[in-house]
Amino acid sequence: MIVFDNINQNRDQHIHLIGIGGISMSAIAELLINHGYKVSGSDIKDSKILDRLRGHGAQIFIGHDSNNIQNPDLVVYTAAIRENNCERLKARQLNITEIDRAEMLGLIMKNYSRAIAVAGSHGKTTTTSLVSLILEYADLDPTIFVGGELDEIGGNIKIGESEHFITEACEYVESFLKFFPFIGIILNIDEDHLDYFRDIVHIKHAFKKFIDLIPREGFLVANKDDKNIEEIIRDTKCNLITYGINNNNCNFTARDIAFTEEGLPVFNVDFNNENMGIFKLNIPGMHNIYNALASIATAHILGVSPPEIKKHIKKFKGIHRRFDILGEIKGCKIIDDYAHHPAEIRATLEAAQNYPHREIWCVFQPHTFTRTRALLDDFASSFDNADHIIITDIYAAREVDTGEINSRTLVNKVKEYNPENNVLYMKDFGKISKYIYENMEPGDIVLTMGAGNICNVGKMMLKL
């Protein structure tokens, strides 16, 4: 049974989760149920995820209400749930212990001697999925928490019986500092979440503190091609394993990179200058070679042989909302991707360039006003590989519109950066779908990008 230091243990323990429908909270709920805990939770709207939890025995409330707090032993809440939430107020009134999602996940990790935490500004979900499936197919029976829908495990969680536990480690509000990793992976460090972090120095400091969480006998797997990572790993006290592309100073190196006619990477991997063989991926893009190297290094640490790694890594065909091919219409591929940062946009468009196509239509939905304002110039220069650019309204997520920034500003900035850019502002998803449908030609790619609900554009097009 999962054991928690801060609550008394008994098989009838009741844990209530506020925001239970979130991708991470629902995984926590399912694991708790599996380990014999009584679970209840609330969310603002119903979903298939909540139906799944009901099927496992969770008591689900739609909407937040103080009456949802029915004397649980512990209350867990997401970062989006404020202190004045009625359920949190009721918990405090009843002197019930409250912890946030990250702390709960950290407490779960303490129960596994081989906990793996995948950190970085970009690529966490894909790399977590890659590592998870390599270990799963190698019969290491890991417990898997992934921030997306992974078909191979039937969702976002798989509960194993071994000492291996794999999860994403998000740097936002430094939540990953509540974790207990035996293996920490850092994929990259970039300016992001500037509604919390002051600047890149503040971000690097957070990642340095994450490294310090790893015990001396543990391992840090780090991308040495990333200059921000290289700066913070110089005095690492745990075992350091590095990776890079054409970098002889790394433990794991990818070289002789080529792309198939379908735009899929093929490359040699060297470990300490000894060749491990040719690796093939079923996911596109140079950025995924980096994600694969991190996964290969991690699996190697855990004793998976190179032939097994090669065999298992090419079985992974992607995760929902990561270069996700939704379908085809009028001879055009409709693809959706979660990219919402300039570095991610560039990487996704570069991957699209290697994919068979005539022209690329990019429909971008900016995510949060803070990110759009802080990285405006970077966003403006990130669309060079698109032939047609449509930018829609900013998806506010957790933020309130103060009127300081809007999508028309970004459109003007894109034009200012390159007057040759074919860029439009369009608000209505239905009109976007119809406009592209009427103007695209066979062989085109329609690529929707963003962390909000922009994927609905592709779904609308497939119904035209």
Protein backbone atom coordinates (compact mmCIF):
# COMPACT_ATOMS: atom_id res chain seq x y z
CA MET A 1 0.00 0.00 0.00
CA ILE A 2 1.12 3.55 -0.70
CA VAL A 3 2.14 5.09 2.63
CA PHE A 4 1.94 8.80 3.47
CA ASP A 5 3.93 10.33 6.31
CA ASN A 6 1.43 13.08 7.10
CA ILE A 7 -1.78 11.09 7.65
CA ASN A 8 -2.63 8.10 9.79
CA GLN A 9 -2.74 4.82 7.91
CA ASN A 10 -5.78 2.61 7.67
CA ARG A 11 -7.49 0.87 4.78
CA ASP A 12 -10.55 3.14 5.08
CA GLN A 13 -8.59 6.37 4.62
CA HIS A 14 -10.63 8.96 2.70
CA ILE A 15 -8.86 11.43 0.37
CA HIS A 16 -10.70 14.23 -1.43
CA LEU A 17 -9.24 15.82 -4.59
CA ILE A 18 -10.35 19.28 -5.73
CA GLY A 19 -9.89 19.45 -9.50
CA ILE A 20 -9.97 15.67 -9.80
CA GLY A 21 -10.64 15.78 -13.55
CA GLY A 22 -7.19 17.12 -14.42
CA ILE A 23 -4.76 14.83 -16.22
CA SER A 24 -2.44 14.49 -13.22
CA MET A 25 -5.06 14.59 -10.46
CA SER A 26 -7.10 11.85 -12.12
CA ALA A 27 -4.00 9.66 -12.26
CA ILE A 28 -3.38 10.25 -8.56
CA ALA A 29 -7.00 9.38 -7.83
CA GLU A 30 -6.80 6.13 -9.78
CA LEU A 31 -3.61 5.08 -8.01
CA LEU A 32 -5.11 5.85 -4.59
CA ILE A 33 -8.19 3.77 -5.37
CA ASN A 34 -5.96 0.93 -6.55
CA HIS A 35 -4.16 1.03 -3.20
CA GLY A 36 -7.33 0.79 -1.15
CA TYR A 37 -8.12 4.41 -0.35
CA LYS A 38 -11.61 5.85 -0.48
CA VAL A 39 -11.53 8.69 -3.02
CA SER A 40 -13.88 11.56 -3.69
CA GLY A 41 -13.36 14.66 -5.77
CA SER A 42 -14.88 17.64 -7.51
CA ASP A 43 -14.45 19.40 -10.83
CA ILE A 44 -16.24 22.18 -12.67
CA LYS A 45 -17.40 20.00 -15.57
CA ASP A 46 -17.94 16.35 -16.39
CA SER A 47 -15.65 14.38 -18.69
CA LYS A 48 -14.69 10.92 -19.89
CA ILE A 49 -11.88 10.96 -17.34
CA LEU A 50 -14.41 11.40 -14.55
CA ASP A 51 -16.55 8.59 -15.98
CA ARG A 52 -13.50 6.36 -15.81
CA LEU A 53 -12.92 7.30 -12.15
CA ARG A 54 -16.58 6.62 -11.32
CA GLY A 55 -16.08 3.18 -12.83
CA HIS A 56 -13.21 2.62 -10.41
CA GLY A 57 -15.35 3.64 -7.44
CA ALA A 58 -14.60 7.32 -6.94
CA GLN A 59 -17.37 9.62 -5.67
CA ILE A 60 -17.49 12.55 -8.11
CA PHE A 61 -19.09 15.96 -7.57
CA ILE A 62 -19.63 18.35 -10.49
CA GLY A 63 -19.08 21.90 -9.29
CA HIS A 64 -17.35 23.14 -6.17
CA ASP A 65 -19.44 23.18 -2.99
CA SER A 66 -18.52 23.14 0.67
CA ASN A 67 -20.92 20.20 1.11
CA ASN A 68 -18.56 18.11 -1.06
CA ILE A 69 -16.21 17.98 1.92
CA GLN A 70 -17.63 14.97 3.76
CA ASN A 71 -15.04 14.67 6.52
CA PRO A 72 -12.09 13.33 4.48
CA ASP A 73 -8.74 12.62 6.14
CA LEU A 74 -6.82 14.64 3.54
CA VAL A 75 -7.66 17.23 0.86
CA VAL A 76 -5.53 17.57 -2.26
CA TYR A 77 -5.91 20.54 -4.62
CA THR A 78 -4.46 21.67 -7.93
CA ALA A 79 -2.51 24.89 -8.47
CA ALA A 80 -5.59 26.42 -10.10
CA ILE A 81 -7.61 26.09 -6.88
CA ARG A 82 -7.25 29.27 -4.82
CA GLU A 83 -7.20 29.58 -1.04
CA ASN A 84 -10.71 31.06 -1.03
CA ASN A 85 -12.21 28.03 -2.79
CA CYS A 86 -15.27 26.99 -0.78
CA GLU A 87 -14.07 23.40 -0.37
CA ARG A 88 -10.66 24.50 0.88
CA LEU A 89 -12.31 26.92 3.29
CA LYS A 90 -14.46 24.09 4.63
CA ALA A 91 -11.42 21.83 5.02
CA ARG A 92 -9.64 24.48 7.08
CA GLN A 93 -12.75 25.02 9.17
CA LEU A 94 -12.72 21.29 9.99
CA ASN A 95 -8.92 21.25 10.56
CA ILE A 96 -8.42 18.80 7.69
CA THR A 97 -4.90 18.65 6.28
CA GLU A 98 -4.53 20.22 2.81
CA ILE A 99 -1.69 19.62 0.35
CA ASP A 100 -1.26 20.55 -3.29
CA ARG A 101 -1.00 18.16 -6.24
CA ALA A 102 2.81 18.36 -6.47
CA GLU A 103 3.29 17.53 -2.80
CA MET A 104 0.94 14.57 -3.14
CA LEU A 105 2.83 13.31 -6.16
CA GLY A 106 6.09 13.69 -4.26
CA LEU A 107 4.70 11.65 -1.35
CA ILE A 108 3.72 8.93 -3.80
CA MET A 109 7.22 8.96 -5.32
CA LYS A 110 8.77 8.30 -1.90
CA ASN A 111 7.26 4.81 -2.06
CA TYR A 112 9.37 3.85 -5.10
CA SER A 113 13.15 3.29 -4.93
CA ARG A 114 13.57 3.91 -8.68
CA ALA A 115 11.51 7.06 -9.22
CA ILE A 116 12.17 8.86 -12.51
CA ALA A 117 11.22 12.53 -12.90
CA VAL A 118 11.29 14.04 -16.40
CA ALA A 119 11.91 17.80 -16.30
CA GLY A 120 12.49 20.46 -18.94
CA SER A 121 10.77 23.35 -20.65
CA HIS A 122 9.70 21.20 -23.61
CA GLY A 123 9.27 17.52 -24.42
CA LYS A 124 8.32 16.16 -20.99
CA THR A 125 5.23 14.24 -22.08
CA THR A 126 6.89 12.63 -25.09
CA THR A 127 10.02 11.65 -23.15
CA THR A 128 8.00 10.31 -20.21
CA SER A 129 6.04 8.21 -22.70
CA LEU A 130 9.19 6.95 -24.43
CA VAL A 131 10.87 5.93 -21.18
CA SER A 132 7.66 4.38 -19.90
CA LEU A 133 7.08 2.21 -22.93
CA ILE A 134 10.69 1.04 -23.16
CA LEU A 135 10.53 -0.10 -19.52
CA GLU A 136 7.06 -1.57 -19.96
CA TYR A 137 8.02 -3.58 -23.03
CA ALA A 138 11.23 -4.67 -21.27
CA ASP A 139 9.03 -6.20 -18.51
CA LEU A 140 10.17 -3.84 -15.75
CA ASP A 141 6.48 -3.23 -14.90
CA PRO A 142 6.70 0.50 -14.06
CA THR A 143 4.01 2.70 -12.58
CA ILE A 144 3.45 5.45 -15.15
CA PHE A 145 2.05 8.96 -14.75
CA VAL A 146 2.00 10.79 -18.09
CA GLY A 147 0.59 14.23 -18.93
CA GLY A 148 -1.40 13.08 -21.91
CA GLU A 149 -3.41 10.20 -23.36
CA LEU A 150 -1.08 7.33 -24.23
CA ASP A 151 -2.85 4.65 -26.26
CA GLU A 152 -0.42 1.90 -25.29
CA ILE A 153 -1.46 2.11 -21.62
CA GLY A 154 -5.08 3.04 -22.31
CA GLY A 155 -4.92 6.54 -20.83
CA ASN A 156 -2.65 8.64 -18.62
CA ILE A 157 -1.76 6.10 -15.91
CA LYS A 158 -0.57 2.54 -15.62
CA ILE A 159 -0.12 0.99 -12.20
CA GLY A 160 2.78 -1.43 -11.94
CA GLU A 161 4.08 -3.68 -9.19
CA SER A 162 7.79 -2.87 -9.41
CA GLU A 163 10.09 -0.28 -7.83
CA HIS A 164 10.01 1.86 -11.00
CA PHE A 165 7.87 5.01 -11.10
CA ILE A 166 7.88 7.53 -13.97
CA THR A 167 6.34 10.98 -14.04
CA GLU A 168 6.69 14.43 -15.56
CA ALA A 169 8.25 17.10 -13.36
CA CYS A 170 6.90 20.56 -14.14
CA GLU A 171 8.96 23.60 -13.15
CA TYR A 172 5.95 25.95 -12.92
CA VAL A 173 5.82 27.52 -9.43
CA GLU A 174 8.78 25.21 -8.69
CA SER A 175 6.39 22.33 -8.06
CA PHE A 176 9.05 19.77 -9.06
CA LEU A 177 11.00 20.69 -5.92
CA LYS A 178 8.48 18.62 -3.95
CA PHE A 179 9.58 15.43 -5.74
CA PHE A 180 11.97 12.62 -4.72
CA PRO A 181 13.69 11.41 -7.89
CA PHE A 182 16.30 8.68 -8.08
CA ILE A 183 16.78 9.56 -11.75
CA GLY A 184 16.20 13.15 -12.83
CA ILE A 185 16.07 14.04 -16.52
CA ILE A 186 16.52 17.62 -17.77
CA LEU A 187 15.67 17.97 -21.45
CA ASN A 188 16.14 21.72 -21.94
CA ILE A 189 15.80 25.03 -20.11
CA ASP A 190 14.06 27.96 -21.74
CA GLU A 191 12.34 31.19 -20.77
CA ASP A 192 8.77 30.32 -19.88
CA HIS A 193 6.17 30.70 -17.10
CA LEU A 194 7.25 34.32 -16.68
CA ASP A 195 4.11 34.99 -14.69
CA TYR A 196 6.02 33.23 -11.90
CA PHE A 197 9.73 33.31 -12.76
CA ARG A 198 11.52 36.66 -12.88
CA ASP A 199 13.89 35.69 -15.71
CA ILE A 200 16.06 32.89 -17.08
CA VAL A 201 18.41 33.18 -14.09
CA HIS A 202 15.52 32.44 -11.75
CA ILE A 203 14.49 29.49 -13.93
CA LYS A 204 18.00 28.02 -13.97
CA HIS A 205 18.21 28.39 -10.20
CA ALA A 206 15.02 26.32 -9.86
CA PHE A 207 16.44 23.57 -12.07
CA LYS A 208 19.67 23.61 -10.03
CA LYS A 209 17.62 23.02 -6.88
CA PHE A 210 15.87 20.15 -8.72
CA ILE A 211 19.26 18.57 -9.41
CA ASP A 212 20.15 18.86 -5.73
CA LEU A 213 17.16 16.64 -4.88
CA ILE A 214 18.78 13.63 -6.55
CA PRO A 215 20.72 11.47 -4.04
CA ARG A 216 24.45 10.89 -4.56
CA GLU A 217 23.81 7.32 -5.68
CA GLY A 218 21.15 8.54 -8.12
CA PHE A 219 21.51 9.83 -11.67
CA LEU A 220 21.03 13.07 -13.58
CA VAL A 221 20.43 12.63 -17.32
CA ALA A 222 21.12 15.99 -18.95
CA ASN A 223 21.14 17.49 -22.46
CA LYS A 224 24.63 18.93 -22.75
CA ASP A 225 23.81 20.70 -26.03
CA ASP A 226 21.60 23.08 -24.05
CA LYS A 227 23.78 25.96 -22.84
CA ASN A 228 21.51 26.69 -19.87
CA ILE A 229 21.79 23.10 -18.68
CA GLU A 230 25.54 23.00 -19.19
CA GLU A 231 25.91 25.97 -16.86
CA ILE A 232 24.15 24.29 -13.92
CA ILE A 233 25.54 20.73 -14.04
CA ARG A 234 29.21 21.53 -13.44
CA ASP A 235 29.20 20.71 -9.72
CA THR A 236 26.57 17.97 -9.79
CA LYS A 237 27.06 15.60 -6.85
CA CYS A 238 25.07 12.62 -8.17
CA ASN A 239 26.05 10.44 -11.14
CA LEU A 240 25.94 12.60 -14.28
CA ILE A 241 24.99 11.13 -17.66
CA THR A 242 24.98 13.54 -20.59
CA TYR A 243 23.67 13.35 -24.14
CA GLY A 244 23.82 15.45 -27.28
CA ILE A 245 24.01 15.44 -31.06
CA ASN A 246 27.47 15.23 -32.68
CA ASN A 247 28.96 16.09 -29.29
CA ASN A 248 31.99 13.98 -28.39
CA ASN A 249 31.93 15.31 -24.83
CA CYS A 250 28.68 13.47 -24.07
CA ASN A 251 28.10 9.94 -22.83
CA PHE A 252 25.36 9.37 -25.40
CA THR A 253 25.66 10.90 -28.86
CA ALA A 254 23.43 10.79 -31.95
CA ARG A 255 25.20 11.05 -35.31
CA ASP A 256 24.66 10.28 -39.01
CA ILE A 257 21.10 11.60 -38.75
CA ALA A 258 18.78 11.04 -41.70
CA PHE A 259 15.03 11.22 -42.28
CA THR A 260 12.87 8.70 -44.12
CA GLU A 261 10.43 9.68 -46.86
CA GLU A 262 7.80 9.91 -44.10
CA GLY A 263 9.97 12.41 -42.19
CA LEU A 264 10.97 9.93 -39.47
CA PRO A 265 14.47 10.07 -37.92
CA VAL A 266 17.13 7.38 -38.34
CA PHE A 267 20.46 7.79 -36.54
CA ASN A 268 23.45 6.08 -34.96
CA VAL A 269 23.93 6.23 -31.20
CA ASP A 270 27.32 6.06 -29.49
CA PHE A 271 27.73 5.39 -25.77
CA ASN A 272 31.13 6.59 -24.51
CA ASN A 273 32.33 6.49 -28.15
CA GLU A 274 31.23 2.86 -28.61
CA ASN A 275 28.52 2.37 -31.22
CA MET A 276 25.17 1.04 -29.94
CA GLY A 277 23.74 0.70 -33.43
CA ILE A 278 21.14 2.38 -35.63
CA PHE A 279 17.97 3.66 -33.99
CA LYS A 280 14.72 4.43 -35.77
CA LEU A 281 11.83 6.52 -34.45
CA ASN A 282 8.18 6.52 -35.40
CA ILE A 283 7.77 10.16 -34.32
CA PRO A 284 9.06 13.05 -36.47
CA GLY A 285 11.44 15.90 -35.76
CA MET A 286 15.00 16.66 -34.68
CA HIS A 287 13.68 17.57 -31.22
CA ASN A 288 12.49 13.99 -30.79
CA ILE A 289 16.03 12.71 -31.36
CA TYR A 290 16.97 14.61 -28.20
CA ASN A 291 13.95 13.13 -26.40
CA ALA A 292 14.97 9.68 -27.61
CA LEU A 293 18.57 10.12 -26.39
CA ALA A 294 17.31 11.00 -22.90
CA SER A 295 15.12 7.90 -22.98
CA ILE A 296 17.91 5.66 -24.24
CA ALA A 297 20.25 6.89 -21.51
CA THR A 298 17.64 6.32 -18.80
CA ALA A 299 16.78 2.82 -19.98
CA HIS A 300 20.50 1.98 -20.15
CA ILE A 301 20.97 3.10 -16.53
CA LEU A 302 18.16 0.73 -15.53
CA GLY A 303 19.76 -2.23 -17.28
CA VAL A 304 17.77 -2.46 -20.51
CA SER A 305 20.05 -3.82 -23.23
CA PRO A 306 20.73 -1.82 -26.43
CA PRO A 307 18.95 -4.36 -28.68
CA GLU A 308 15.87 -4.16 -26.46
CA ILE A 309 15.95 -0.36 -26.40
CA LYS A 310 16.21 -0.25 -30.20
CA LYS A 311 13.33 -2.66 -30.60
CA HIS A 312 11.03 -0.96 -28.11
CA ILE A 313 11.72 2.71 -28.92
CA LYS A 314 10.44 2.42 -32.47
CA LYS A 315 7.12 0.98 -31.24
CA PHE A 316 6.16 4.40 -29.87
CA LYS A 317 3.97 6.20 -32.40
CA GLY A 318 3.30 9.34 -30.42
CA ILE A 319 0.87 10.73 -27.91
CA HIS A 320 -2.33 12.66 -28.40
CA ARG A 321 -1.75 16.34 -29.25
CA ARG A 322 1.94 15.80 -30.20
CA PHE A 323 2.14 15.87 -34.02
CA ASP A 324 -1.12 13.98 -33.82
CA ILE A 325 -2.51 13.10 -37.27
CA LEU A 326 -6.25 13.57 -36.85
CA GLY A 327 -7.22 12.55 -40.37
CA GLU A 328 -7.23 13.52 -44.04
CA ILE A 329 -9.61 15.57 -46.17
CA LYS A 330 -9.33 16.69 -49.81
CA GLY A 331 -5.91 15.04 -49.94
CA CYS A 332 -4.63 17.15 -47.02
CA LYS A 333 -3.36 15.87 -43.68
CA ILE A 334 -4.89 17.46 -40.56
CA ILE A 335 -2.34 17.44 -37.72
CA ASP A 336 -2.60 18.79 -34.17
CA ASP A 337 0.23 19.67 -31.81
CA TYR A 338 0.44 21.05 -28.27
CA ALA A 339 3.23 23.53 -29.17
CA HIS A 340 2.64 26.82 -27.33
CA HIS A 341 6.17 28.20 -26.85
CA PRO A 342 8.33 29.70 -29.65
CA ALA A 343 10.90 26.90 -29.34
CA GLU A 344 8.15 24.31 -29.64
CA ILE A 345 6.60 26.04 -32.64
CA ARG A 346 9.95 26.07 -34.44
CA ALA A 347 10.58 22.40 -33.63
CA THR A 348 7.12 21.33 -34.78
CA LEU A 349 7.32 23.30 -38.02
CA GLU A 350 10.79 21.88 -38.71
CA ALA A 351 9.34 18.39 -38.21
CA ALA A 352 6.54 19.29 -40.62
CA GLN A 353 9.11 20.39 -43.21
CA ASN A 354 10.56 16.86 -43.18
CA TYR A 355 7.08 15.37 -43.55
CA PRO A 356 5.74 14.88 -47.10
CA HIS A 357 3.78 18.01 -48.05
CA ARG A 358 3.08 20.71 -50.63
CA GLU A 359 2.41 23.71 -48.35
CA ILE A 360 1.99 24.09 -44.59
CA TRP A 361 -0.99 25.87 -43.04
CA CYS A 362 -0.25 26.81 -39.43
CA VAL A 363 -3.17 27.74 -37.16
CA PHE A 364 -1.82 29.02 -33.86
CA GLN A 365 -3.68 29.78 -30.64
CA PRO A 366 -1.43 31.70 -28.18
CA HIS A 367 -1.57 30.36 -24.63
CA THR A 368 -1.80 32.92 -21.80
CA PHE A 369 -1.40 36.69 -22.01
CA THR A 370 1.76 36.63 -19.89
CA ARG A 371 3.61 34.24 -22.20
CA THR A 372 2.48 36.07 -25.34
CA ARG A 373 3.60 39.45 -24.02
CA ALA A 374 6.92 38.27 -22.54
CA LEU A 375 7.97 36.26 -25.61
CA LEU A 376 6.38 38.40 -28.32
CA ASP A 377 9.55 38.86 -30.40
CA ASP A 378 10.41 35.16 -30.13
CA PHE A 379 6.92 34.21 -31.27
CA ALA A 380 7.19 36.58 -34.23
CA SER A 381 10.29 34.78 -35.52
CA SER A 382 9.06 31.22 -34.97
CA PHE A 383 6.80 30.74 -38.02
CA ASP A 384 9.36 30.82 -40.84
CA ASN A 385 8.64 27.23 -41.94
CA ALA A 386 4.91 27.88 -42.45
CA ASP A 387 3.49 28.95 -45.81
CA HIS A 388 0.20 30.22 -44.36
CA ILE A 389 -0.21 31.47 -40.78
CA ILE A 390 -3.52 32.05 -39.03
CA ILE A 391 -3.46 33.36 -35.46
CA THR A 392 -6.58 33.25 -33.33
CA ASP A 393 -7.41 34.75 -29.94
CA ILE A 394 -5.25 34.12 -26.88
CA TYR A 395 -6.36 31.21 -24.70
CA ALA A 396 -6.42 32.76 -21.24
CA ALA A 397 -6.14 29.55 -19.17
CA ARG A 398 -5.52 30.67 -15.57
CA GLU A 399 -5.17 34.37 -16.44
CA VAL A 400 -7.41 37.45 -16.73
CA ASP A 401 -7.30 39.70 -19.81
CA THR A 402 -5.92 43.08 -18.74
CA GLY A 403 -5.98 44.48 -22.28
CA GLU A 404 -2.18 44.80 -22.48
CA ILE A 405 -1.74 42.23 -25.25
CA ASN A 406 -3.87 40.58 -27.92
CA SER A 407 -3.46 38.40 -30.98
CA ARG A 408 -3.62 41.30 -33.42
CA THR A 409 -0.43 42.61 -31.79
CA LEU A 410 1.23 39.26 -32.46
CA VAL A 411 0.01 39.24 -36.08
CA ASN A 412 1.51 42.70 -36.63
CA LYS A 413 4.76 41.58 -35.01
CA VAL A 414 4.97 38.54 -37.31
CA LYS A 415 4.50 40.83 -40.31
CA GLU A 416 7.06 43.26 -38.95
CA TYR A 417 9.60 40.45 -38.52
CA ASN A 418 9.09 39.24 -42.08
CA PRO A 419 6.84 41.24 -44.44
CA GLU A 420 6.73 38.18 -46.71
CA ASN A 421 4.85 36.16 -44.07
CA ASN A 422 1.33 35.28 -45.15
CA VAL A 423 -0.34 35.85 -41.77
CA LEU A 424 -3.96 36.55 -40.82
CA TYR A 425 -5.87 37.14 -37.61
CA MET A 426 -9.11 35.15 -37.44
CA LYS A 427 -11.27 34.80 -34.34
CA ASP A 428 -13.97 32.28 -35.20
CA PHE A 429 -12.96 28.59 -35.41
CA GLY A 430 -15.75 27.82 -37.85
CA LYS A 431 -14.63 30.58 -40.23
CA ILE A 432 -11.00 29.41 -39.93
CA SER A 433 -12.03 25.86 -40.85
CA LYS A 434 -14.07 27.02 -43.84
CA TYR A 435 -11.37 29.43 -45.08
CA ILE A 436 -8.65 26.78 -45.08
CA TYR A 437 -10.97 24.17 -46.58
CA GLU A 438 -11.78 26.47 -49.49
CA ASN A 439 -8.15 27.47 -50.14
CA MET A 440 -6.02 24.39 -49.41
CA GLU A 441 -4.83 22.06 -52.16
CA PRO A 442 -4.07 18.34 -52.22
CA GLY A 443 -0.78 17.58 -50.49
CA ASP A 444 -1.05 20.45 -47.99
CA ILE A 445 -0.63 20.01 -44.25
CA VAL A 446 -2.99 21.79 -41.87
CA LEU A 447 -1.20 22.06 -38.53
CA THR A 448 -3.08 23.40 -35.50
CA MET A 449 -0.86 24.42 -32.57
CA GLY A 450 -1.51 25.52 -29.01
CA ALA A 451 -2.22 24.26 -25.50
CA GLY A 452 -5.86 25.35 -25.48
CA ASN A 453 -8.78 24.11 -27.58
CA ILE A 454 -7.35 24.85 -31.05
CA CYS A 455 -7.54 21.13 -31.90
CA ASN A 456 -11.27 21.77 -32.50
CA VAL A 457 -10.41 23.50 -35.79
CA GLY A 458 -9.05 20.27 -37.25
CA LYS A 459 -12.01 18.30 -35.95
CA MET A 460 -14.38 20.82 -37.59
CA MET A 461 -12.55 20.53 -40.90
CA LEU A 462 -12.86 16.77 -40.91
CA LYS A 463 -16.64 17.18 -40.68
CA LEU A 464 -16.91 19.56 -43.68
